N, C-alpha and C. Protein backbone atom coordinates (compact mmCIF):
# COMPACT_ATOMS: atom_id res chain seq x y z
N MET A 1 21.70 23.15 -31.64
CA MET A 1 21.18 22.13 -30.68
C MET A 1 20.38 21.26 -31.29
N ALA A 2 20.15 19.95 -30.80
CA ALA A 2 19.29 19.17 -31.15
C ALA A 2 17.82 19.47 -30.86
N SER A 3 17.00 19.60 -31.65
CA SER A 3 15.32 20.12 -31.19
C SER A 3 15.01 18.55 -30.45
N GLN A 4 14.12 18.87 -29.36
CA GLN A 4 13.43 17.48 -28.75
C GLN A 4 12.26 16.91 -29.20
N GLN A 5 12.32 15.78 -29.66
CA GLN A 5 11.24 14.64 -30.12
C GLN A 5 10.00 14.68 -29.52
N THR A 6 9.10 15.25 -30.45
CA THR A 6 7.41 15.51 -29.97
C THR A 6 7.23 14.08 -30.10
N LYS A 7 6.33 13.75 -28.70
CA LYS A 7 5.97 12.60 -28.15
C LYS A 7 4.62 12.39 -29.01
N SER A 8 3.95 11.58 -29.25
CA SER A 8 2.73 11.17 -29.65
C SER A 8 2.08 9.90 -29.24
N ILE A 9 0.73 10.04 -28.95
CA ILE A 9 -0.22 8.72 -28.16
C ILE A 9 0.18 7.53 -29.37
N GLU A 10 0.12 8.28 -30.70
CA GLU A 10 0.24 6.80 -31.89
C GLU A 10 1.58 5.67 -31.45
N HIS A 11 2.31 6.40 -30.82
CA HIS A 11 3.60 5.24 -30.39
C HIS A 11 3.62 4.82 -29.33
N LEU A 12 2.48 4.80 -28.53
CA LEU A 12 2.17 3.92 -27.45
C LEU A 12 1.50 2.72 -27.78
N VAL A 13 1.91 1.69 -27.15
CA VAL A 13 1.20 0.34 -27.31
C VAL A 13 0.76 -0.43 -25.98
N LEU A 14 -0.56 0.00 -25.61
CA LEU A 14 -0.88 -0.67 -24.45
C LEU A 14 -1.36 -1.92 -24.76
N THR A 15 -0.88 -2.95 -23.60
CA THR A 15 -1.13 -4.71 -23.47
C THR A 15 -1.76 -4.98 -22.24
N LEU A 16 -2.67 -5.69 -22.46
CA LEU A 16 -3.26 -6.18 -21.15
C LEU A 16 -2.49 -7.48 -20.80
N GLU A 17 -2.08 -7.59 -19.28
CA GLU A 17 -1.06 -8.05 -18.78
C GLU A 17 -1.99 -9.25 -17.84
N LYS A 18 -3.21 -9.14 -17.09
CA LYS A 18 -3.66 -9.68 -16.38
C LYS A 18 -5.01 -8.90 -16.07
N ASP A 19 -6.04 -10.29 -15.83
CA ASP A 19 -7.39 -9.52 -15.44
C ASP A 19 -7.32 -10.11 -13.90
N ILE A 20 -7.82 -9.07 -13.06
CA ILE A 20 -8.02 -9.61 -11.50
C ILE A 20 -9.43 -9.38 -10.88
N TYR A 21 -9.96 -10.07 -10.53
CA TYR A 21 -11.21 -10.19 -9.94
C TYR A 21 -11.13 -10.06 -8.50
N HIS A 22 -11.31 -8.79 -8.06
CA HIS A 22 -11.66 -8.48 -6.47
C HIS A 22 -12.74 -8.70 -6.05
N THR A 23 -14.07 -8.51 -6.54
CA THR A 23 -15.42 -9.00 -5.52
C THR A 23 -15.54 -7.91 -5.10
N LEU A 24 -14.81 -6.66 -4.87
CA LEU A 24 -15.24 -5.37 -4.36
C LEU A 24 -16.18 -4.78 -4.57
N SER A 25 -17.07 -3.70 -3.94
CA SER A 25 -17.66 -2.68 -4.46
C SER A 25 -17.30 -1.37 -4.02
N ASN A 26 -17.42 -0.57 -5.22
CA ASN A 26 -16.88 0.83 -5.04
C ASN A 26 -15.45 0.84 -4.65
N VAL A 27 -14.53 0.34 -5.32
CA VAL A 27 -13.05 0.17 -5.27
C VAL A 27 -12.74 2.00 -5.50
N ARG A 28 -11.95 2.74 -5.18
CA ARG A 28 -11.72 4.19 -5.85
C ARG A 28 -10.16 4.40 -5.68
N GLY A 29 -9.41 3.61 -5.69
CA GLY A 29 -8.17 3.34 -5.46
C GLY A 29 -7.55 2.04 -5.87
N CYS A 30 -6.25 2.10 -6.19
CA CYS A 30 -5.10 0.81 -5.81
C CYS A 30 -3.42 1.69 -6.18
N THR A 31 -2.86 0.45 -5.79
CA THR A 31 -1.43 0.65 -5.84
C THR A 31 -0.60 -0.61 -6.08
N VAL A 32 0.27 -0.49 -6.81
CA VAL A 32 1.32 -1.57 -6.98
C VAL A 32 2.65 -1.57 -6.21
N LEU A 33 2.56 -2.49 -5.52
CA LEU A 33 3.99 -2.43 -4.74
C LEU A 33 4.96 -2.71 -5.20
N PRO A 34 6.47 -2.68 -4.79
CA PRO A 34 7.53 -2.82 -5.31
C PRO A 34 7.62 -4.14 -5.71
N ASP A 35 7.25 -5.03 -5.04
CA ASP A 35 7.25 -6.40 -5.52
C ASP A 35 6.24 -7.21 -6.72
N GLY A 36 5.43 -6.20 -7.12
CA GLY A 36 4.26 -6.55 -8.19
C GLY A 36 2.87 -6.63 -7.25
N LYS A 37 2.94 -6.92 -6.15
CA LYS A 37 1.39 -7.17 -5.19
C LYS A 37 0.63 -5.91 -5.67
N ILE A 38 -0.82 -6.05 -5.58
CA ILE A 38 -1.45 -4.73 -5.71
C ILE A 38 -2.56 -4.52 -4.58
N VAL A 39 -2.61 -3.81 -4.59
CA VAL A 39 -3.55 -3.37 -3.06
C VAL A 39 -4.67 -2.47 -3.48
N PHE A 40 -5.66 -3.08 -2.93
CA PHE A 40 -7.30 -2.56 -3.66
C PHE A 40 -8.06 -1.94 -2.56
N PRO A 41 -8.41 -0.80 -1.97
CA PRO A 41 -9.09 0.00 -0.77
C PRO A 41 -10.48 -0.16 -1.17
N CYS A 42 -11.55 -0.43 -0.64
CA CYS A 42 -12.81 -0.54 -0.50
C CYS A 42 -13.59 0.32 0.21
N TYR A 43 -14.23 1.51 -0.56
CA TYR A 43 -14.46 2.55 0.48
C TYR A 43 -15.62 2.04 1.25
N THR A 44 -16.83 1.35 0.39
CA THR A 44 -18.02 1.07 1.19
C THR A 44 -17.92 0.17 2.10
N GLU A 45 -17.02 -1.16 1.78
CA GLU A 45 -17.07 -2.27 2.50
C GLU A 45 -15.94 -1.81 4.02
N ARG A 46 -15.05 -0.78 4.03
CA ARG A 46 -14.33 -0.39 5.30
C ARG A 46 -13.20 -1.17 5.12
N LYS A 47 -12.30 -2.17 4.00
CA LYS A 47 -11.54 -2.98 3.93
C LYS A 47 -10.56 -2.65 2.94
N LEU A 48 -9.41 -3.77 2.58
CA LEU A 48 -8.84 -3.78 1.77
C LEU A 48 -8.08 -4.94 1.39
N LYS A 49 -7.97 -5.39 0.13
CA LYS A 49 -7.27 -6.32 -0.50
C LYS A 49 -5.82 -6.27 -1.28
N VAL A 50 -5.26 -7.46 -0.82
CA VAL A 50 -4.09 -7.49 -1.28
C VAL A 50 -3.98 -8.55 -2.55
N PHE A 51 -3.09 -8.47 -3.38
CA PHE A 51 -3.49 -9.60 -4.52
C PHE A 51 -1.76 -9.58 -4.93
N LYS A 52 -1.28 -11.12 -5.09
CA LYS A 52 -0.13 -11.32 -5.59
C LYS A 52 0.27 -10.86 -7.20
N ALA A 53 1.30 -10.73 -7.67
CA ALA A 53 1.56 -10.53 -8.62
C ALA A 53 1.00 -11.42 -9.87
N ASP A 54 0.59 -12.73 -9.54
CA ASP A 54 -0.38 -13.17 -10.73
C ASP A 54 -1.58 -13.17 -10.50
N GLY A 55 -1.79 -12.41 -9.69
CA GLY A 55 -3.33 -11.70 -9.76
C GLY A 55 -4.59 -12.73 -8.65
N SER A 56 -3.70 -13.42 -8.24
CA SER A 56 -4.39 -14.33 -6.96
C SER A 56 -4.29 -13.52 -5.67
N GLN A 57 -5.42 -13.90 -4.78
CA GLN A 57 -5.66 -12.91 -3.45
C GLN A 57 -4.56 -13.39 -2.64
N GLU A 58 -4.10 -12.47 -1.89
CA GLU A 58 -3.18 -13.00 -0.91
C GLU A 58 -3.60 -12.80 0.43
N PHE A 59 -4.38 -11.51 0.76
CA PHE A 59 -5.23 -11.71 1.91
C PHE A 59 -5.83 -9.94 2.05
N GLU A 60 -6.32 -10.37 3.27
CA GLU A 60 -7.69 -8.64 3.21
C GLU A 60 -7.71 -8.53 4.51
N MET A 61 -7.77 -7.00 4.84
CA MET A 61 -7.91 -6.55 6.20
C MET A 61 -9.32 -5.69 6.17
N LYS A 62 -10.03 -6.46 7.26
CA LYS A 62 -11.45 -5.98 7.40
C LYS A 62 -11.61 -4.60 8.39
N ASN A 63 -12.79 -3.98 8.68
CA ASN A 63 -12.81 -3.18 9.64
C ASN A 63 -11.76 -1.79 9.79
N ILE A 64 -11.50 -1.40 8.33
CA ILE A 64 -9.73 -0.32 8.63
C ILE A 64 -10.79 0.65 8.64
N GLY A 65 -12.08 1.11 8.43
CA GLY A 65 -12.74 2.48 8.36
C GLY A 65 -12.82 2.66 7.05
N ARG A 66 -13.37 4.15 6.60
CA ARG A 66 -13.51 4.39 5.00
C ARG A 66 -12.03 4.06 4.43
N ALA A 67 -11.99 3.90 3.56
CA ALA A 67 -10.69 3.24 2.32
C ALA A 67 -10.76 4.12 1.06
N PHE A 68 -10.11 5.29 0.69
CA PHE A 68 -10.78 6.05 -0.68
C PHE A 68 -9.19 5.44 -1.22
N ASP A 69 -8.11 6.46 -1.20
CA ASP A 69 -6.93 5.89 -2.15
C ASP A 69 -5.99 4.97 -1.31
N VAL A 70 -5.03 4.47 -1.98
CA VAL A 70 -3.65 4.46 -0.98
C VAL A 70 -2.50 4.83 -1.66
N ALA A 71 -1.38 4.76 -1.06
CA ALA A 71 -0.18 5.02 -1.43
C ALA A 71 1.02 4.32 -0.54
N TYR A 72 2.02 3.81 -1.31
CA TYR A 72 3.35 2.75 -0.47
C TYR A 72 3.97 3.99 -0.29
N ILE A 73 4.66 3.53 0.89
CA ILE A 73 5.37 4.20 1.85
C ILE A 73 6.68 3.36 2.00
N GLU A 74 7.60 3.93 1.68
CA GLU A 74 9.22 3.02 1.54
C GLU A 74 9.24 1.79 2.47
N ASP A 75 9.11 2.21 4.06
CA ASP A 75 9.08 1.17 4.65
C ASP A 75 8.24 -0.30 4.69
N GLY A 76 7.75 -0.22 4.03
CA GLY A 76 6.84 -1.50 3.70
C GLY A 76 5.28 -1.24 3.93
N SER A 77 4.90 0.09 4.52
CA SER A 77 3.57 0.23 4.91
C SER A 77 2.73 0.96 3.75
N ILE A 78 1.58 1.36 3.97
CA ILE A 78 0.53 1.92 3.30
C ILE A 78 -0.26 2.97 3.72
N ALA A 79 -0.23 3.83 3.28
CA ALA A 79 -1.24 5.35 3.40
C ALA A 79 -2.35 5.40 2.86
N VAL A 80 -3.57 5.24 3.58
CA VAL A 80 -4.99 5.19 3.04
C VAL A 80 -5.80 6.30 3.43
N THR A 81 -6.24 7.28 2.55
CA THR A 81 -6.98 8.19 2.60
C THR A 81 -8.59 8.13 3.26
N THR A 82 -9.56 8.92 3.62
CA THR A 82 -10.32 8.31 3.76
C THR A 82 -11.64 9.12 3.37
N GLY A 83 -11.14 9.85 2.41
CA GLY A 83 -12.33 10.43 1.59
C GLY A 83 -13.09 12.00 2.22
N GLY A 84 -14.51 12.20 2.06
CA GLY A 84 -15.13 13.18 2.60
C GLY A 84 -16.14 13.11 3.29
N HIS A 85 -16.47 12.11 4.42
CA HIS A 85 -17.39 12.06 4.78
C HIS A 85 -17.05 12.70 6.22
N GLU A 86 -18.03 13.46 6.87
CA GLU A 86 -17.84 14.38 8.11
C GLU A 86 -16.99 13.42 9.11
N ASP A 87 -17.23 12.23 9.24
CA ASP A 87 -16.41 11.60 10.05
C ASP A 87 -15.05 11.12 9.87
N SER A 88 -14.64 11.57 8.62
CA SER A 88 -13.42 10.93 8.00
C SER A 88 -12.53 12.10 7.54
N ARG A 89 -11.75 12.65 8.58
CA ARG A 89 -10.88 13.48 8.59
C ARG A 89 -9.52 12.96 8.61
N GLN A 90 -9.45 11.87 8.60
CA GLN A 90 -7.87 11.21 8.94
C GLN A 90 -7.06 10.56 7.70
N ILE A 91 -5.90 10.05 8.09
CA ILE A 91 -5.29 9.40 7.22
C ILE A 91 -4.56 8.26 7.77
N ASN A 92 -4.90 7.04 7.34
CA ASN A 92 -4.64 5.56 8.12
C ASN A 92 -3.26 5.14 7.48
N ILE A 93 -2.17 4.53 8.66
CA ILE A 93 -0.97 4.07 8.26
C ILE A 93 -1.47 2.85 8.55
N PHE A 94 -0.86 1.45 7.48
CA PHE A 94 -1.25 0.22 7.75
C PHE A 94 0.24 -0.46 7.44
N ASP A 95 0.34 -1.45 8.20
CA ASP A 95 1.95 -2.46 8.33
C ASP A 95 1.32 -3.61 7.49
N LEU A 96 1.99 -3.74 6.21
CA LEU A 96 0.95 -4.64 5.56
C LEU A 96 1.70 -6.15 5.60
N LYS A 97 2.95 -6.28 6.24
CA LYS A 97 3.70 -7.59 6.85
C LYS A 97 2.70 -8.21 8.04
N ASN A 98 2.39 -7.16 8.83
CA ASN A 98 1.76 -7.35 10.26
C ASN A 98 0.53 -7.39 9.93
N LYS A 99 0.10 -6.74 8.89
CA LYS A 99 -1.37 -6.67 8.56
C LYS A 99 -2.50 -5.93 9.88
N LYS A 100 -1.52 -4.73 10.03
CA LYS A 100 -2.29 -3.96 11.28
C LYS A 100 -2.02 -2.64 10.99
N LEU A 101 -3.21 -1.43 11.57
CA LEU A 101 -2.86 -0.41 11.88
C LEU A 101 -1.87 0.29 12.59
N ILE A 102 -0.87 1.17 12.31
CA ILE A 102 0.60 1.30 13.12
C ILE A 102 -0.07 2.93 13.52
N ARG A 103 -0.44 3.54 12.53
CA ARG A 103 -0.48 5.16 12.85
C ARG A 103 -2.21 5.47 12.20
N SER A 104 -2.39 6.48 13.01
CA SER A 104 -3.92 7.51 12.52
C SER A 104 -3.59 8.83 12.89
N PHE A 105 -3.51 9.57 12.02
CA PHE A 105 -3.71 10.95 12.42
C PHE A 105 -4.85 11.84 11.84
N ASN A 106 -5.11 13.04 12.63
CA ASN A 106 -6.30 13.95 12.12
C ASN A 106 -5.72 14.74 11.41
N VAL A 107 -5.82 15.24 10.08
CA VAL A 107 -5.60 16.11 9.16
C VAL A 107 -6.44 17.40 8.93
N GLU A 108 -7.73 17.03 9.61
CA GLU A 108 -8.86 18.12 9.78
C GLU A 108 -9.46 18.51 8.12
N THR A 109 -9.18 18.00 7.11
CA THR A 109 -9.62 18.28 5.98
C THR A 109 -10.48 17.04 5.00
N GLU A 110 -10.85 16.96 4.33
CA GLU A 110 -11.38 15.99 3.17
C GLU A 110 -9.88 15.68 2.55
N ASN A 111 -10.00 14.05 2.35
CA ASN A 111 -8.48 13.73 1.76
C ASN A 111 -9.07 12.87 0.92
N TYR A 112 -8.58 12.77 -0.36
CA TYR A 112 -8.89 11.99 -1.81
C TYR A 112 -7.33 11.44 -2.01
N GLY A 113 -7.04 11.72 -3.45
CA GLY A 113 -6.23 11.02 -3.70
C GLY A 113 -4.73 11.24 -2.90
N VAL A 114 -3.66 10.27 -3.13
CA VAL A 114 -2.53 10.71 -2.32
C VAL A 114 -1.26 10.02 -2.94
N VAL A 115 -0.26 10.48 -2.47
CA VAL A 115 1.04 10.00 -3.24
C VAL A 115 2.05 9.85 -1.91
N PHE A 116 3.34 9.83 -2.17
CA PHE A 116 4.30 9.47 -1.45
C PHE A 116 5.22 10.21 -1.77
N ILE A 117 6.21 11.04 -1.40
CA ILE A 117 7.44 11.79 -2.16
C ILE A 117 8.21 12.34 -1.38
N ASN A 118 9.61 12.21 -1.20
CA ASN A 118 10.40 13.01 -0.23
C ASN A 118 10.08 12.81 1.21
N ASP A 119 9.21 11.77 2.00
CA ASP A 119 9.14 11.58 2.84
C ASP A 119 7.80 11.98 3.71
N THR A 120 7.16 12.55 2.54
CA THR A 120 5.93 13.19 2.77
C THR A 120 5.16 12.42 2.25
N LEU A 121 3.61 12.39 2.71
CA LEU A 121 2.34 12.52 1.99
C LEU A 121 1.79 13.71 1.46
N ILE A 122 1.52 13.48 0.23
CA ILE A 122 0.62 14.75 -0.78
C ILE A 122 -0.72 14.11 -0.90
N TYR A 123 -1.98 14.98 -0.53
CA TYR A 123 -3.13 14.61 -0.78
C TYR A 123 -3.93 15.64 -1.28
N THR A 124 -4.98 15.35 -2.18
CA THR A 124 -5.85 16.47 -2.57
C THR A 124 -6.88 16.56 -1.40
N GLY A 125 -7.56 17.76 -1.45
CA GLY A 125 -8.72 18.16 -0.64
C GLY A 125 -10.00 18.39 -1.90
N ASN A 126 -10.70 19.54 -1.28
CA ASN A 126 -11.49 19.61 -2.16
C ASN A 126 -11.99 21.15 -2.05
N LYS A 127 -12.66 21.47 -2.91
CA LYS A 127 -13.11 23.21 -2.81
C LYS A 127 -13.41 23.85 -1.70
N ASN A 128 -13.51 23.17 -0.69
CA ASN A 128 -14.04 23.78 0.63
C ASN A 128 -12.64 23.88 1.17
N ASP A 129 -11.71 22.92 0.84
CA ASP A 129 -10.37 22.93 1.64
C ASP A 129 -9.21 23.44 0.90
N ASP A 130 -9.53 23.95 -0.23
CA ASP A 130 -8.62 24.79 -0.81
C ASP A 130 -6.84 24.09 -1.29
N GLY A 131 -7.17 23.11 -2.02
CA GLY A 131 -6.26 22.48 -3.05
C GLY A 131 -5.56 21.30 -2.08
N LEU A 132 -4.16 21.54 -2.41
CA LEU A 132 -3.22 20.40 -2.14
C LEU A 132 -2.42 20.57 -0.78
N TYR A 133 -2.29 19.39 0.13
CA TYR A 133 -1.59 19.40 1.44
C TYR A 133 -0.70 18.38 1.31
N SER A 134 0.45 18.55 2.25
CA SER A 134 1.32 17.48 2.49
C SER A 134 1.50 17.29 3.99
N VAL A 135 1.75 16.13 4.19
CA VAL A 135 1.75 15.36 5.83
C VAL A 135 3.25 15.23 5.83
N ASN A 136 4.05 15.76 6.73
CA ASN A 136 5.26 15.18 7.17
C ASN A 136 4.88 14.22 8.40
N LEU A 137 5.49 13.10 7.84
CA LEU A 137 5.61 11.87 8.70
C LEU A 137 5.98 11.80 9.97
N GLU A 138 6.94 12.87 10.16
CA GLU A 138 8.11 12.83 11.19
C GLU A 138 7.14 13.16 12.53
N ASP A 139 6.66 14.19 12.01
CA ASP A 139 5.69 15.38 13.00
C ASP A 139 4.63 15.50 13.16
N GLU A 140 4.04 14.51 11.81
CA GLU A 140 2.71 14.55 11.70
C GLU A 140 1.95 15.87 11.22
N SER A 141 2.65 16.92 11.03
CA SER A 141 2.44 18.47 10.69
C SER A 141 1.62 18.28 9.12
N VAL A 142 0.77 19.40 9.08
CA VAL A 142 0.09 19.46 7.87
C VAL A 142 0.62 20.62 7.15
N THR A 143 0.72 20.60 5.98
CA THR A 143 1.03 21.93 5.15
C THR A 143 0.39 22.18 3.81
N ARG A 144 -0.11 23.49 3.63
CA ARG A 144 -0.84 23.62 2.39
C ARG A 144 0.01 23.90 1.02
N VAL A 145 0.32 22.75 0.24
CA VAL A 145 1.00 23.13 -1.05
C VAL A 145 0.62 23.82 -1.50
N LYS A 146 -0.54 23.77 -1.88
CA LYS A 146 -1.17 24.89 -3.13
C LYS A 146 -2.46 25.06 -2.87
N THR A 147 -3.27 26.48 -3.03
CA THR A 147 -4.40 27.27 -2.41
C THR A 147 -4.79 26.91 -3.84
N ILE A 148 -5.81 26.06 -4.34
CA ILE A 148 -6.67 26.05 -5.50
C ILE A 148 -8.08 25.33 -5.06
N LYS A 149 -8.95 25.57 -5.71
CA LYS A 149 -10.49 25.37 -5.54
C LYS A 149 -10.61 23.82 -6.33
N LEU A 150 -10.27 22.61 -5.97
CA LEU A 150 -10.47 21.32 -6.13
C LEU A 150 -11.59 20.74 -6.28
N SER A 151 -12.04 19.80 -7.12
CA SER A 151 -13.19 19.35 -6.75
C SER A 151 -13.12 18.00 -5.83
N SER A 152 -14.15 17.66 -5.35
CA SER A 152 -13.89 16.14 -4.65
C SER A 152 -13.39 15.29 -5.60
N HIS A 153 -12.93 13.93 -4.78
CA HIS A 153 -12.76 12.96 -6.03
C HIS A 153 -11.50 13.37 -6.80
N GLY A 154 -10.65 14.13 -6.28
CA GLY A 154 -9.30 14.27 -7.07
C GLY A 154 -8.05 13.28 -7.28
N TYR A 155 -7.49 13.23 -7.88
CA TYR A 155 -6.28 12.20 -7.74
C TYR A 155 -5.24 12.55 -7.86
N ILE A 156 -4.02 12.24 -7.73
CA ILE A 156 -2.88 12.59 -7.57
C ILE A 156 -1.64 11.40 -8.06
N ALA A 157 -0.70 12.20 -8.85
CA ALA A 157 0.41 10.86 -9.25
C ALA A 157 1.60 12.11 -9.01
N THR A 158 2.62 11.34 -9.00
CA THR A 158 4.24 12.01 -8.71
C THR A 158 5.48 11.54 -9.65
N PHE A 159 6.16 12.09 -10.52
CA PHE A 159 7.07 11.86 -11.45
C PHE A 159 8.18 12.79 -11.08
N ASN A 160 9.25 12.94 -11.32
CA ASN A 160 10.50 14.00 -11.74
C ASN A 160 10.24 14.67 -10.79
N GLU A 161 9.81 14.62 -9.54
CA GLU A 161 9.69 15.93 -8.71
C GLU A 161 8.69 16.52 -8.71
N LYS A 162 7.69 16.20 -9.54
CA LYS A 162 6.46 16.85 -10.16
C LYS A 162 5.37 16.29 -9.26
N LEU A 163 4.41 17.20 -9.61
CA LEU A 163 2.92 16.49 -9.22
C LEU A 163 2.02 16.78 -10.08
N PHE A 164 0.98 15.53 -10.75
CA PHE A 164 -0.07 15.60 -11.45
C PHE A 164 -1.26 15.25 -10.82
N TYR A 165 -2.40 16.38 -10.95
CA TYR A 165 -3.60 15.95 -10.12
C TYR A 165 -4.85 16.45 -11.05
N THR A 166 -6.00 15.75 -11.17
CA THR A 166 -7.13 15.69 -11.75
C THR A 166 -8.12 16.88 -11.20
N ASP A 167 -9.12 17.33 -11.68
CA ASP A 167 -10.03 18.22 -11.30
C ASP A 167 -11.25 18.00 -11.96
N ASN A 168 -12.41 17.22 -11.83
CA ASN A 168 -13.31 16.97 -12.60
C ASN A 168 -14.48 17.98 -12.50
N ASP A 169 -14.40 19.12 -11.75
CA ASP A 169 -15.03 20.17 -11.78
C ASP A 169 -15.02 20.98 -13.01
N THR A 170 -13.56 21.18 -13.45
CA THR A 170 -13.33 21.79 -14.93
C THR A 170 -12.94 21.00 -15.69
N ASP A 171 -12.69 19.56 -15.52
CA ASP A 171 -12.38 18.96 -16.94
C ASP A 171 -11.09 18.69 -17.07
N SER A 172 -10.00 18.97 -16.17
CA SER A 172 -8.63 19.75 -16.49
C SER A 172 -7.73 18.80 -15.50
N VAL A 173 -6.54 18.62 -16.10
CA VAL A 173 -5.37 18.14 -15.56
C VAL A 173 -4.37 19.15 -14.94
N HIS A 174 -3.61 19.11 -13.94
CA HIS A 174 -2.39 20.20 -13.66
C HIS A 174 -1.47 19.35 -13.37
N CYS A 175 -0.23 19.94 -13.74
CA CYS A 175 1.10 19.40 -13.22
C CYS A 175 1.86 20.61 -12.77
N CYS A 176 2.27 20.50 -11.46
CA CYS A 176 3.08 21.73 -10.76
C CYS A 176 4.13 20.88 -10.22
N ASP A 177 5.45 21.72 -9.62
CA ASP A 177 6.28 21.21 -8.65
C ASP A 177 6.10 20.94 -7.60
N ILE A 178 6.82 20.56 -6.37
CA ILE A 178 6.41 20.07 -5.07
C ILE A 178 6.09 20.87 -4.16
N GLN A 179 6.57 22.48 -4.82
CA GLN A 179 6.20 23.54 -3.94
C GLN A 179 4.66 24.16 -4.39
N GLY A 180 4.44 23.72 -5.53
CA GLY A 180 3.15 23.72 -5.97
C GLY A 180 3.08 25.03 -6.92
N ASN A 181 3.99 25.19 -7.57
CA ASN A 181 3.88 26.03 -8.96
C ASN A 181 3.90 25.61 -10.10
N ILE A 182 2.72 25.91 -10.40
CA ILE A 182 1.97 25.52 -11.77
C ILE A 182 2.76 25.37 -13.12
N LYS A 183 3.26 24.18 -13.45
CA LYS A 183 3.97 23.95 -14.70
C LYS A 183 2.93 23.96 -16.28
N TRP A 184 1.94 23.37 -15.97
CA TRP A 184 1.03 23.09 -17.41
C TRP A 184 -0.12 22.70 -16.35
N THR A 185 -1.75 23.14 -17.33
CA THR A 185 -2.62 22.66 -17.39
C THR A 185 -3.06 22.48 -18.49
N PHE A 186 -3.71 21.38 -18.65
CA PHE A 186 -4.54 20.44 -19.52
C PHE A 186 -5.91 20.47 -19.58
N SER A 187 -6.82 20.91 -20.56
CA SER A 187 -8.11 20.66 -20.34
C SER A 187 -8.75 20.89 -21.96
N ASP A 188 -9.50 19.58 -22.49
CA ASP A 188 -10.15 19.24 -23.48
C ASP A 188 -11.15 18.47 -23.35
N LYS A 189 -12.45 19.23 -23.29
CA LYS A 189 -13.54 17.96 -23.17
C LYS A 189 -13.34 17.30 -24.28
N SER A 190 -13.06 17.40 -25.41
CA SER A 190 -13.35 16.29 -26.37
C SER A 190 -12.25 15.35 -26.46
N ALA A 191 -11.50 15.26 -25.62
CA ALA A 191 -10.57 14.24 -24.87
C ALA A 191 -10.70 13.62 -23.99
N LEU A 192 -10.99 14.69 -22.91
CA LEU A 192 -11.01 14.05 -21.52
C LEU A 192 -12.18 14.77 -20.71
N SER A 193 -13.27 13.96 -20.40
CA SER A 193 -14.04 14.44 -19.70
C SER A 193 -14.09 13.80 -18.36
N PHE A 194 -14.81 14.63 -17.25
CA PHE A 194 -14.49 14.46 -15.50
C PHE A 194 -13.59 13.62 -15.47
N PRO A 195 -12.24 13.78 -15.49
CA PRO A 195 -10.93 13.34 -14.99
C PRO A 195 -11.00 12.58 -13.82
N LEU A 196 -10.82 11.54 -13.44
CA LEU A 196 -10.19 11.07 -11.87
C LEU A 196 -9.27 9.98 -11.71
N GLY A 197 -8.97 9.02 -11.77
CA GLY A 197 -7.60 8.47 -11.72
C GLY A 197 -6.57 8.87 -12.53
N ILE A 198 -5.19 9.25 -12.06
CA ILE A 198 -4.09 9.50 -12.77
C ILE A 198 -2.78 8.60 -12.48
N SER A 199 -2.15 8.38 -13.71
CA SER A 199 -0.91 7.67 -13.17
C SER A 199 -0.05 8.35 -13.96
N VAL A 200 1.41 7.86 -13.72
CA VAL A 200 2.39 8.49 -14.94
C VAL A 200 3.44 7.47 -14.81
N ASP A 201 3.95 7.12 -16.09
CA ASP A 201 4.91 5.89 -16.50
C ASP A 201 6.30 6.19 -16.12
N ASN A 202 7.20 5.42 -16.59
CA ASN A 202 8.65 5.67 -16.36
C ASN A 202 9.17 6.53 -17.10
N HIS A 203 8.37 6.50 -18.05
CA HIS A 203 8.85 8.00 -19.05
C HIS A 203 8.19 9.15 -19.31
N GLY A 204 7.42 9.52 -18.14
CA GLY A 204 6.93 10.85 -17.87
C GLY A 204 5.36 11.06 -18.84
N ASN A 205 4.96 9.75 -19.38
CA ASN A 205 3.79 9.66 -19.99
C ASN A 205 2.26 9.54 -18.77
N VAL A 206 1.53 11.01 -19.20
CA VAL A 206 0.54 10.72 -18.22
C VAL A 206 -0.78 10.33 -18.36
N PHE A 207 -1.40 9.02 -17.52
CA PHE A 207 -2.42 8.46 -18.44
C PHE A 207 -3.73 9.01 -17.16
N VAL A 208 -4.71 9.18 -17.81
CA VAL A 208 -5.90 9.72 -16.89
C VAL A 208 -7.14 8.91 -17.43
N VAL A 209 -7.63 8.56 -15.98
CA VAL A 209 -9.21 8.10 -16.20
C VAL A 209 -10.25 8.93 -16.72
N GLY A 210 -10.92 9.03 -17.62
CA GLY A 210 -11.86 9.94 -17.98
C GLY A 210 -13.37 9.29 -17.83
N ALA A 211 -13.96 9.53 -16.97
CA ALA A 211 -15.09 8.73 -16.48
C ALA A 211 -16.20 8.79 -17.01
N LYS A 212 -16.11 9.80 -18.23
CA LYS A 212 -17.91 10.45 -18.73
C LYS A 212 -16.98 10.34 -20.45
N THR A 213 -15.90 9.65 -20.68
CA THR A 213 -15.25 9.72 -22.15
C THR A 213 -14.60 8.76 -22.43
N LYS A 214 -14.71 8.10 -23.66
CA LYS A 214 -14.15 6.70 -23.86
C LYS A 214 -12.46 6.85 -24.64
N LYS A 215 -12.62 8.18 -24.92
CA LYS A 215 -10.99 8.23 -25.34
C LYS A 215 -9.78 8.33 -24.55
N ARG A 216 -8.98 7.59 -25.01
CA ARG A 216 -7.57 7.88 -23.92
C ARG A 216 -6.78 8.82 -24.06
N SER A 217 -6.47 9.57 -23.02
CA SER A 217 -5.67 10.96 -22.81
C SER A 217 -4.74 10.42 -22.22
N SER A 218 -3.23 11.10 -22.42
CA SER A 218 -1.62 10.44 -22.26
C SER A 218 -1.14 11.17 -22.62
N ASP A 219 0.37 11.35 -22.40
CA ASP A 219 1.21 11.86 -23.04
C ASP A 219 1.09 13.54 -22.66
N LEU A 220 1.12 13.94 -21.38
CA LEU A 220 0.78 14.97 -21.46
C LEU A 220 1.80 15.87 -20.78
N SER A 221 2.92 15.13 -20.35
CA SER A 221 3.86 15.78 -19.74
C SER A 221 4.93 16.39 -21.04
């Protein structure tokens, strides 16, 4: 049996594709749409901006409420979480084509990072809300995926039927299946401190923003 080749960060080459000047304050998430457009939600200004693939602004939506993280949904809409304020226990669905709110539902928990997978939204709560939750978009039912004391401002990504999420209280990154069964945990403060944003490329390499470290952390899969 052939042995699996070990991946190394040294084999990865990062290339700057473009600079985008969004002029927003307190941007806490973003998502890239299938056509290359990029959506930035603004938490404090309560709006979002959509940029074309070339980096120029296409349009903005104002007065949408608190906007923490954003996930693209296959029907051309986006889901926007609302963070951790007591008046923000809901997730909003916006139609980008018609530039309007089409659904809003209360999840009764704080909601931070969010992804869309298998016709459901999965989002992170915090240490008081006990972990990861899924939202069925057909009936808006909310189910706890995994019970775990997560920090607030946790982010989540998905790849190959797996979930990857950050916990800045413990300086760790976790991987689990969509049923919540842990596959692995990464924690190394010398390489990753205060993890926030997380993304996975098409090869399964995991990239994490360490807010308190300048080192790169990737290839965790």
